[in-house]
Amino acid sequence: GVLSQMTCCSDGSCLKQSLYFIWDMEVDKDFIPHPADGEVDKFERWSVETLESEVRQGERLRPARLVATDFLIRHGVITPDREPQLVKIQSAMHQDRYIFPHKGAIDSGASEN
C-alpha cells in the first residue's frame, strides 16, 4: 500500500510531504533480522499488544508510527469499535499529494514581458 504524511516544524514551517510504499513480509518464526545499512541499531520482536501500546502512547516508534498504525488497522487490531476516530485517522493516512506551483520553479530562460 501507500501512505502519505505531511510533516512540519512546530511553527508551521518546513512543510514536507512524504509517500511511504509499504508491504508485509512474512518470515519464519525463527528468523532473526540483523541491521545492515546503518538505518536502525537493532530489531525487537513485539507482541501485537506491545505494538498497539507503543503506537498509542509510546515514544520509541515515532519515525515508524504511521506504518505501525496502518499495520494494526489492516490486521484488525485497531477497529471502529475500539477507536472512535478511525475514519479520520485513515483519511489522514491516505491523502492526495499536493504540488504547489512556484513561479520561477521551472525557468525556461525566457524573460517575462
Foldseek 3Di string as FASTA:
>chain_A
DKWKDWDDDPVRPDTDIDIDDDDDDDDDPPDADDDDPPPDDGDDDDDLVVLVCCLVDNDPCVVPSLVSVVVCVVVVNDDCVNDVCVVVSVDNTDDDDDDDDDVPPDDPPDDDD
